[in-house]
Amino acid sequence: MARVFIPQSLRKLTNGQLEAQIPGKNLREVIGNLEKEFPGAADYLIKDGNLKPGIAAVVGEQATRQGLLHKIDDDETEVHFLPAIAGG
């Protein structure tokens, strides 16, 4: 299971819960199971089968470049969904 930290914008769906233990072998499965536990979460995170533009996922200590296919390795993997930051 992944330890998913719930972003502020999703906490209305989780009754203010800050984190959740969510099973999944990859990021897609984690989001699917997050949706089962907190309906509406996937609408915030996914568009057209990919992470929404403006949302970044950090799995463990690394920002994912594999998108929803990023593997979840062990029970202690932390997953964070953050607003993507761009600039120049």
Protein backbone atom coordinates (compact mmCIF):
# COMPACT_ATOMS: atom_id res chain seq x y z
CA MET A 1 0.00 0.00 0.00
CA ALA A 2 1.05 3.52 -0.69
CA ARG A 3 0.86 6.25 1.90
CA VAL A 4 -1.01 8.94 -0.05
CA PHE A 5 -0.86 12.48 1.23
CA ILE A 6 -4.13 14.21 0.39
CA PRO A 7 -3.71 17.66 -1.20
CA GLN A 8 -5.63 20.53 0.34
CA SER A 9 -7.96 20.76 -2.65
CA LEU A 10 -9.10 17.13 -2.17
CA ARG A 11 -9.64 17.25 1.57
CA LYS A 12 -13.28 18.20 1.11
CA LEU A 13 -13.75 14.68 -0.32
CA THR A 14 -11.91 13.04 2.59
CA ASN A 15 -13.63 14.94 5.41
CA GLY A 16 -10.32 16.67 6.11
CA GLN A 17 -8.26 13.48 6.22
CA LEU A 18 -4.59 14.32 5.57
CA GLU A 19 -3.38 10.92 4.35
CA ALA A 20 -4.63 7.46 3.47
CA GLN A 21 -3.18 3.98 2.97
CA ILE A 22 -4.14 3.04 -0.59
CA PRO A 23 -3.22 -0.22 -2.37
CA GLY A 24 -1.85 -0.31 -5.91
CA LYS A 25 1.05 -1.63 -7.98
CA ASN A 26 1.38 1.60 -9.94
CA LEU A 27 0.13 5.16 -9.78
CA ARG A 28 -2.91 4.38 -11.97
CA GLU A 29 -4.07 1.66 -9.54
CA VAL A 30 -3.45 3.90 -6.53
CA ILE A 31 -5.60 6.66 -8.05
CA GLY A 32 -8.29 4.11 -8.99
CA ASN A 33 -8.39 2.83 -5.42
CA LEU A 34 -8.30 6.37 -4.06
CA GLU A 35 -11.37 7.04 -6.21
CA LYS A 36 -13.15 4.01 -4.71
CA GLU A 37 -12.48 5.26 -1.20
CA PHE A 38 -13.05 8.96 -1.95
CA PRO A 39 -15.37 9.38 -4.98
CA GLY A 40 -14.40 12.40 -7.06
CA ALA A 41 -10.65 12.15 -6.41
CA ALA A 42 -9.89 10.85 -9.91
CA ASP A 43 -11.75 13.78 -11.49
CA TYR A 44 -9.30 16.10 -9.75
CA LEU A 45 -6.20 14.10 -10.74
CA ILE A 46 -6.86 12.57 -14.18
CA LYS A 47 -7.93 13.90 -17.56
CA ASP A 48 -8.02 11.87 -20.78
CA GLY A 49 -6.25 8.93 -19.11
CA ASN A 50 -3.27 10.96 -17.86
CA LEU A 51 -2.41 13.15 -14.91
CA LYS A 52 -4.07 16.49 -15.43
CA PRO A 53 -1.91 19.32 -16.67
CA GLY A 54 -0.93 21.32 -13.62
CA ILE A 55 -0.73 18.24 -11.34
CA ALA A 56 2.62 16.66 -10.51
CA ALA A 57 3.02 13.32 -8.73
CA VAL A 58 5.92 12.59 -6.42
CA VAL A 59 6.43 8.91 -5.64
CA GLY A 60 8.91 8.26 -2.86
CA GLU A 61 11.44 11.04 -3.25
CA GLN A 62 11.18 11.42 -7.02
CA ALA A 63 8.82 13.33 -9.28
CA THR A 64 7.41 10.82 -11.71
CA ARG A 65 8.23 11.04 -15.38
CA GLN A 66 6.38 7.79 -16.07
CA GLY A 67 3.00 9.26 -15.21
CA LEU A 68 0.35 6.75 -14.21
CA LEU A 69 2.65 3.80 -15.00
CA HIS A 70 5.09 4.71 -12.22
CA LYS A 71 5.53 1.58 -10.06
CA ILE A 72 4.75 1.56 -6.37
CA ASP A 73 7.51 -0.58 -4.85
CA ASP A 74 6.64 -1.22 -1.23
CA ASP A 75 4.23 -0.62 1.61
CA GLU A 76 6.01 2.51 2.75
CA THR A 77 6.03 4.39 -0.55
CA GLU A 78 4.80 7.95 -0.11
CA VAL A 79 2.74 9.52 -2.86
CA HIS A 80 2.17 13.27 -3.07
CA PHE A 81 0.03 15.11 -5.62
CA LEU A 82 1.20 18.69 -6.02
CA PRO A 83 0.35 21.61 -8.24
CA ALA A 84 2.96 21.62 -11.00
CA ILE A 85 5.18 24.68 -10.91
CA ALA A 86 6.42 26.23 -14.10
CA GLY A 87 8.28 29.37 -14.73
CA GLY A 88 11.02 30.96 -16.59
